[in-house]
């Protein structure tokens, strides 16, 4: 029996679905199924009953749940203690691509003044990769777009930005003051990878109104504006993420909201749920919370 298998079992207990559990564990469905099957063969009895609708723990599985949970939690605490000793005084922060440039001021000057001995390691990655960084101890804290996965907890909403339609100035819709969902009829769309939840929402809104559109493709942050500058497409993103990028031929037009749609996206400061933060991590959490309590706006100062 391996610790990895116990962690897989615990995730499957929580999700009761191979597809959802494998997605959260960042492994294939086949790999997860094989690992669980090997453990069951070793134990000599099944832990789950499989069906087309998902998986259900067996009586034996339920009786062992407490022990699996205890082992997984103890190992997580051990990893945290070891990591704290190795990385003492080092705060590791991950954020979605473009976050640092979208902030009106540097992320850490005031914090460094309060704690001059602190060291901070800052990285950026795609928004959907942030949970993986936190789960694998590659980061202590993260700045990420909503929605926040259940395995994470939000300490503070940093910003709430309106979503804009983005296009070349030569596009027929570029002169409009606001873009509505109905304006997307017969348009080709470019979807920004790190806004997956929003992309699903606006396409669902378009479908519900019978709007015909075509998805040209998806793009990372670095290619997003160059592609829109070159092709007759419409993309969607918060203006703040790209405010330091110089593409004068690309325009940002606010999306028009209705009674059922809220075209904003929030940025949150998050960490793994049910983890006791190290001292340096808690200091930074308290610093961010105090900044926003004084500011009272829910935005980065």
Protein backbone atom coordinates (compact mmCIF):
# COMPACT_ATOMS: atom_id res chain seq x y z
CA UNK A 1 0.00 0.00 0.00
CA UNK A 2 1.38 3.38 -1.05
CA UNK A 3 0.55 6.82 0.33
CA UNK A 4 -0.30 7.93 -3.21
CA UNK A 5 -3.00 5.24 -3.37
CA UNK A 6 -4.47 6.41 -0.05
CA UNK A 7 -4.61 9.98 -1.37
CA UNK A 8 -6.39 8.70 -4.50
CA UNK A 9 -8.90 6.79 -2.37
CA UNK A 10 -9.63 9.90 -0.28
CA UNK A 11 -10.27 12.00 -3.38
CA UNK A 12 -12.57 9.34 -4.80
CA UNK A 13 -14.47 9.22 -1.50
CA UNK A 14 -15.04 12.97 -1.80
CA UNK A 15 -16.06 13.06 -5.46
CA UNK A 16 -17.76 9.67 -6.01
CA UNK A 17 -16.77 10.06 -9.65
CA UNK A 18 -13.64 8.83 -11.47
CA UNK A 19 -13.65 11.73 -13.95
CA UNK A 20 -13.89 14.48 -11.33
CA UNK A 21 -11.38 12.83 -9.01
CA UNK A 22 -8.80 12.24 -11.75
CA UNK A 23 -9.12 15.87 -12.88
CA UNK A 24 -8.42 17.15 -9.37
CA UNK A 25 -5.53 14.72 -8.93
CA UNK A 26 -4.06 15.70 -12.31
CA UNK A 27 -3.84 12.10 -13.53
CA UNK A 28 -5.72 10.18 -16.23
CA UNK A 29 -8.95 8.34 -15.46
CA UNK A 30 -7.26 5.11 -16.55
CA UNK A 31 -4.31 5.75 -14.22
CA UNK A 32 -6.60 6.42 -11.26
CA UNK A 33 -8.70 3.31 -11.92
CA UNK A 34 -5.61 1.08 -12.23
CA UNK A 35 -4.14 2.42 -8.98
CA UNK A 36 -7.40 1.83 -7.05
CA UNK A 37 -7.74 -1.66 -8.58
CA UNK A 38 -4.18 -2.57 -7.53
CA UNK A 39 -4.88 -1.45 -3.97
CA UNK A 40 -8.12 -3.47 -3.86
CA UNK A 41 -6.25 -6.54 -5.15
CA UNK A 42 -3.66 -6.08 -2.42
CA UNK A 43 -6.33 -5.72 0.27
CA UNK A 44 -8.35 -8.65 -1.01
CA UNK A 45 -11.69 -6.80 -1.11
CA UNK A 46 -13.24 -3.89 -3.04
CA UNK A 47 -13.36 -0.35 -1.62
CA UNK A 48 -15.90 0.95 -4.16
CA UNK A 49 -18.82 -0.32 -6.18
CA UNK A 50 -18.71 0.96 -9.78
CA UNK A 51 -21.71 1.95 -11.87
CA UNK A 52 -22.50 4.16 -14.86
CA UNK A 53 -23.47 7.00 -12.49
CA UNK A 54 -20.24 6.90 -10.45
CA UNK A 55 -18.69 5.02 -7.55
CA UNK A 56 -20.06 4.26 -4.07
CA UNK A 57 -17.93 3.11 -1.11
CA UNK A 58 -18.46 -0.49 -0.04
CA UNK A 59 -19.07 -1.38 3.58
CA UNK A 60 -15.39 -2.28 3.89
CA UNK A 61 -14.39 1.00 2.30
CA UNK A 62 -16.51 2.98 4.74
CA UNK A 63 -15.03 1.12 7.69
CA UNK A 64 -11.50 2.07 6.57
CA UNK A 65 -12.32 5.68 5.70
CA UNK A 66 -11.28 7.04 9.12
CA UNK A 67 -7.88 5.31 8.91
CA UNK A 68 -7.21 6.47 5.35
CA UNK A 69 -8.14 10.02 6.34
CA UNK A 70 -5.88 9.93 9.40
CA UNK A 71 -2.87 8.75 7.37
CA UNK A 72 -3.43 11.32 4.60
CA UNK A 73 -3.85 14.18 7.07
CA UNK A 74 -0.79 13.18 9.11
CA UNK A 75 1.37 13.02 6.00
CA UNK A 76 0.10 16.42 4.87
CA UNK A 77 1.06 17.89 8.24
CA UNK A 78 4.49 16.25 7.99
CA UNK A 79 5.05 17.69 4.51
CA UNK A 80 4.10 21.13 5.78
CA UNK A 81 6.48 20.89 8.76
CA UNK A 82 9.37 19.75 6.56
CA UNK A 83 8.65 22.45 4.00
CA UNK A 84 8.53 25.12 6.70
CA UNK A 85 11.98 24.05 7.94
CA UNK A 86 13.46 23.98 4.43
CA UNK A 87 11.93 27.25 3.31
CA UNK A 88 12.06 29.23 6.53
CA UNK A 89 11.53 32.94 5.86
CA UNK A 90 10.76 32.23 2.16
CA UNK A 91 7.23 33.10 1.05
CA UNK A 92 6.31 31.43 -2.23
CA UNK A 93 3.56 33.17 -4.18
CA UNK A 94 1.98 32.15 -7.49
CA UNK A 95 -0.41 34.28 -9.58
CA UNK A 96 -2.17 34.15 -12.91
CA UNK A 97 -0.28 35.52 -15.90
CA UNK A 98 -0.39 39.32 -16.04
CA UNK A 99 -1.35 39.81 -12.39
CA UNK A 100 1.76 41.77 -11.36
CA UNK A 101 1.44 44.13 -14.32
CA UNK A 102 -2.25 44.67 -13.59
CA UNK A 103 -1.56 45.98 -10.07
CA UNK A 104 -1.42 49.74 -9.59
CA UNK A 105 1.59 49.39 -7.26
CA UNK A 106 4.21 46.76 -6.48
CA UNK A 107 2.94 43.74 -4.61
CA UNK A 108 5.37 43.78 -1.72
CA UNK A 109 6.99 47.18 -0.89
CA UNK A 110 4.87 47.91 2.18
CA UNK A 111 5.17 44.29 3.34
CA UNK A 112 8.96 44.45 2.98
CA UNK A 113 9.03 47.63 5.05
CA UNK A 114 7.12 45.90 7.83
CA UNK A 115 9.18 42.70 7.62
CA UNK A 116 12.60 43.65 6.17
CA UNK A 117 13.99 40.15 6.77
CA UNK A 118 11.35 38.48 4.61
CA UNK A 119 12.11 36.86 1.26
CA UNK A 120 9.50 36.36 -1.45
CA UNK A 121 9.56 34.04 -4.45
CA UNK A 122 7.02 35.19 -7.04
CA UNK A 123 5.94 33.28 -10.17
CA UNK A 124 3.11 33.42 -12.69
CA UNK A 125 1.32 30.60 -14.52
CA UNK A 126 -2.03 29.86 -16.16
CA UNK A 127 -4.90 30.36 -13.73
CA UNK A 128 -6.04 26.72 -13.96
CA UNK A 129 -2.56 25.51 -12.93
CA UNK A 130 -2.57 27.42 -9.64
CA UNK A 131 -4.30 24.67 -7.57
CA UNK A 132 -1.58 22.27 -8.73
CA UNK A 133 1.15 24.63 -7.49
CA UNK A 134 -0.50 24.85 -4.09
CA UNK A 135 -1.20 21.12 -3.79
CA UNK A 136 2.39 20.22 -4.67
CA UNK A 137 3.90 22.75 -2.24
CA UNK A 138 5.34 24.84 -5.05
CA UNK A 139 3.56 27.86 -3.56
CA UNK A 140 2.21 28.96 -0.19
CA UNK A 141 -0.28 31.54 -1.45
CA UNK A 142 -1.83 32.44 -4.76
CA UNK A 143 -3.67 35.24 -6.52
CA UNK A 144 -6.22 33.63 -8.83
CA UNK A 145 -9.44 34.29 -10.70
CA UNK A 146 -12.73 32.91 -9.42
CA UNK A 147 -14.24 30.35 -9.20
CA UNK A 148 -12.17 29.10 -6.27
CA UNK A 149 -11.95 25.27 -6.09
CA UNK A 150 -13.19 23.64 -2.90
CA UNK A 151 -9.70 22.45 -2.01
CA UNK A 152 -8.70 26.12 -1.64
CA UNK A 153 -9.88 28.87 0.67
CA UNK A 154 -10.09 32.57 -0.09
CA UNK A 155 -8.70 35.02 2.45
CA UNK A 156 -9.48 38.21 0.56
CA UNK A 157 -11.12 39.38 -2.64
CA UNK A 158 -8.40 41.59 -4.16
CA UNK A 159 -10.20 43.04 -7.17
CA UNK A 160 -13.45 42.87 -9.05
CA UNK A 161 -12.90 43.81 -12.70
CA UNK A 162 -15.47 44.22 -15.47
CA UNK A 163 -14.99 42.01 -18.53
CA UNK A 164 -14.50 43.76 -21.85
CA UNK A 165 -14.90 42.66 -25.44
CA UNK A 166 -11.52 43.07 -27.17
CA UNK A 167 -10.98 43.57 -30.90
CA UNK A 168 -9.05 45.43 -33.56
CA UNK A 169 -10.09 49.05 -34.22
CA UNK A 170 -11.06 48.06 -37.76
CA UNK A 171 -13.69 45.61 -36.50
CA UNK A 172 -17.27 46.66 -37.38
CA UNK A 173 -18.23 46.64 -33.67
CA UNK A 174 -15.24 48.69 -32.52
CA UNK A 175 -17.18 51.99 -32.49
CA UNK A 176 -19.83 50.77 -30.05
CA UNK A 177 -19.74 52.08 -26.47
CA UNK A 178 -20.90 48.73 -25.10
CA UNK A 179 -21.15 45.23 -26.52
CA UNK A 180 -24.13 43.00 -25.77
CA UNK A 181 -24.41 39.24 -26.21
CA UNK A 182 -26.65 39.78 -29.22
CA UNK A 183 -23.76 41.63 -30.94
CA UNK A 184 -21.86 38.34 -31.04
CA UNK A 185 -24.19 36.99 -33.73
CA UNK A 186 -22.15 35.63 -36.66
CA UNK A 187 -18.88 36.66 -35.00
CA UNK A 188 -15.71 34.61 -34.54
CA UNK A 189 -14.51 34.44 -30.93
CA UNK A 190 -11.06 34.03 -29.41
CA UNK A 191 -11.16 32.61 -25.88
CA UNK A 192 -8.52 33.44 -23.28
CA UNK A 193 -7.38 30.21 -21.61
CA UNK A 194 -7.29 31.53 -18.07
CA UNK A 195 -10.93 32.67 -18.18
CA UNK A 196 -12.43 29.22 -18.66
CA UNK A 197 -15.36 29.75 -16.26
CA UNK A 198 -16.27 33.09 -17.85
CA UNK A 199 -15.95 31.66 -21.36
CA UNK A 200 -18.45 28.94 -20.46
CA UNK A 201 -20.82 31.55 -19.03
CA UNK A 202 -20.87 33.89 -22.01
CA UNK A 203 -21.19 31.04 -24.53
CA UNK A 204 -24.08 29.66 -22.47
CA UNK A 205 -25.72 33.12 -22.50
CA UNK A 206 -25.28 33.32 -26.27
CA UNK A 207 -26.74 29.84 -26.77
CA UNK A 208 -29.76 30.66 -24.59
CA UNK A 209 -30.52 33.64 -26.83
CA UNK A 210 -30.13 31.67 -30.04
CA UNK A 211 -27.00 33.60 -31.05
CA UNK A 212 -24.92 31.98 -33.79
CA UNK A 213 -21.16 32.32 -33.30
CA UNK A 214 -17.96 30.43 -34.08
CA UNK A 215 -15.08 29.81 -31.68
CA UNK A 216 -11.92 30.54 -33.68
CA UNK A 217 -9.73 29.05 -30.96
CA UNK A 218 -8.20 29.69 -27.55
CA UNK A 219 -5.05 31.53 -26.57
CA UNK A 220 -2.64 32.12 -23.72
CA UNK A 221 -2.03 35.61 -22.37
CA UNK A 222 1.10 36.27 -24.44
CA UNK A 223 -0.62 35.55 -27.78
CA UNK A 224 -4.04 37.02 -26.98
CA UNK A 225 -3.57 40.65 -28.06
CA UNK A 226 -1.28 39.89 -31.04
CA UNK A 227 -3.89 37.51 -32.49
CA UNK A 228 -6.71 40.02 -31.97
CA UNK A 229 -4.52 42.70 -33.53
CA UNK A 230 -4.06 40.55 -36.64
CA UNK A 231 -7.42 38.83 -37.17
CA UNK A 232 -11.05 39.96 -37.29
CA UNK A 233 -11.99 38.32 -33.99
CA UNK A 234 -13.58 39.20 -30.65
CA UNK A 235 -12.00 38.20 -27.35
CA UNK A 236 -12.95 38.74 -23.70
CA UNK A 237 -10.83 39.77 -20.72
CA UNK A 238 -10.53 42.31 -17.88
CA UNK A 239 -8.86 45.50 -19.12
CA UNK A 240 -6.55 45.62 -16.09
CA UNK A 241 -4.70 42.45 -17.02
CA UNK A 242 -3.40 44.05 -20.22
CA UNK A 243 -3.18 47.72 -19.25
CA UNK A 244 0.63 47.76 -19.56
CA UNK A 245 0.64 46.14 -23.00
CA UNK A 246 1.07 48.52 -25.91
CA UNK A 247 -1.34 47.51 -28.67
CA UNK A 248 -2.90 50.83 -29.77
CA UNK A 249 -4.89 49.15 -32.55
CA UNK A 250 -6.73 46.94 -30.05
CA UNK A 251 -9.77 48.35 -28.23
CA UNK A 252 -11.48 47.25 -25.02
CA UNK A 253 -15.27 47.74 -24.97
CA UNK A 254 -17.28 46.97 -21.80
CA UNK A 255 -19.79 44.14 -22.03
CA UNK A 256 -23.39 45.15 -21.42
CA UNK A 257 -24.93 43.27 -18.51
CA UNK A 258 -28.56 42.28 -18.13
CA UNK A 259 -30.70 41.07 -15.24
CA UNK A 260 -29.30 37.53 -15.54
CA UNK A 261 -25.64 38.19 -16.38
CA UNK A 262 -22.86 39.70 -14.30
CA UNK A 263 -19.82 40.19 -16.51
CA UNK A 264 -17.22 40.76 -13.82
CA UNK A 265 -14.42 38.57 -12.56
CA UNK A 266 -12.89 38.53 -9.10
CA UNK A 267 -9.27 38.01 -8.07
CA UNK A 268 -8.75 36.31 -4.69
CA UNK A 269 -5.84 35.65 -2.36
CA UNK A 270 -6.04 31.89 -1.66
CA UNK A 271 -4.22 28.93 -0.11
CA UNK A 272 -4.92 25.26 0.48
CA UNK A 273 -7.90 24.66 2.71
CA UNK A 274 -7.40 23.25 6.24
CA UNK A 275 -3.66 24.02 6.26
CA UNK A 276 -2.16 26.00 9.13
CA UNK A 277 -0.07 28.74 7.44
CA UNK A 278 3.58 29.19 8.36
CA UNK A 279 4.45 32.39 10.19
CA UNK A 280 5.65 34.27 7.09
CA UNK A 281 2.59 33.16 5.15
CA UNK A 282 0.20 34.31 7.87
CA UNK A 283 2.02 37.63 8.11
CA UNK A 284 1.43 38.27 4.43
CA UNK A 285 -2.22 37.19 4.65
CA UNK A 286 -2.75 39.60 7.55
CA UNK A 287 -0.97 42.34 5.61
CA UNK A 288 -3.24 41.95 2.55
CA UNK A 289 -6.38 41.80 4.69
CA UNK A 290 -5.39 44.92 6.64
CA UNK A 291 -4.65 46.82 3.41
CA UNK A 292 -8.10 46.09 2.08
CA UNK A 293 -9.80 46.80 5.40
CA UNK A 294 -8.22 50.26 5.39
CA UNK A 295 -8.93 50.78 1.70
CA UNK A 296 -12.53 49.58 1.95
CA UNK A 297 -12.83 49.08 -1.80
CA UNK A 298 -11.88 45.43 -2.32
CA UNK A 299 -9.14 46.49 -4.72
CA UNK A 300 -5.36 46.28 -4.67
CA UNK A 301 -3.95 49.47 -3.19
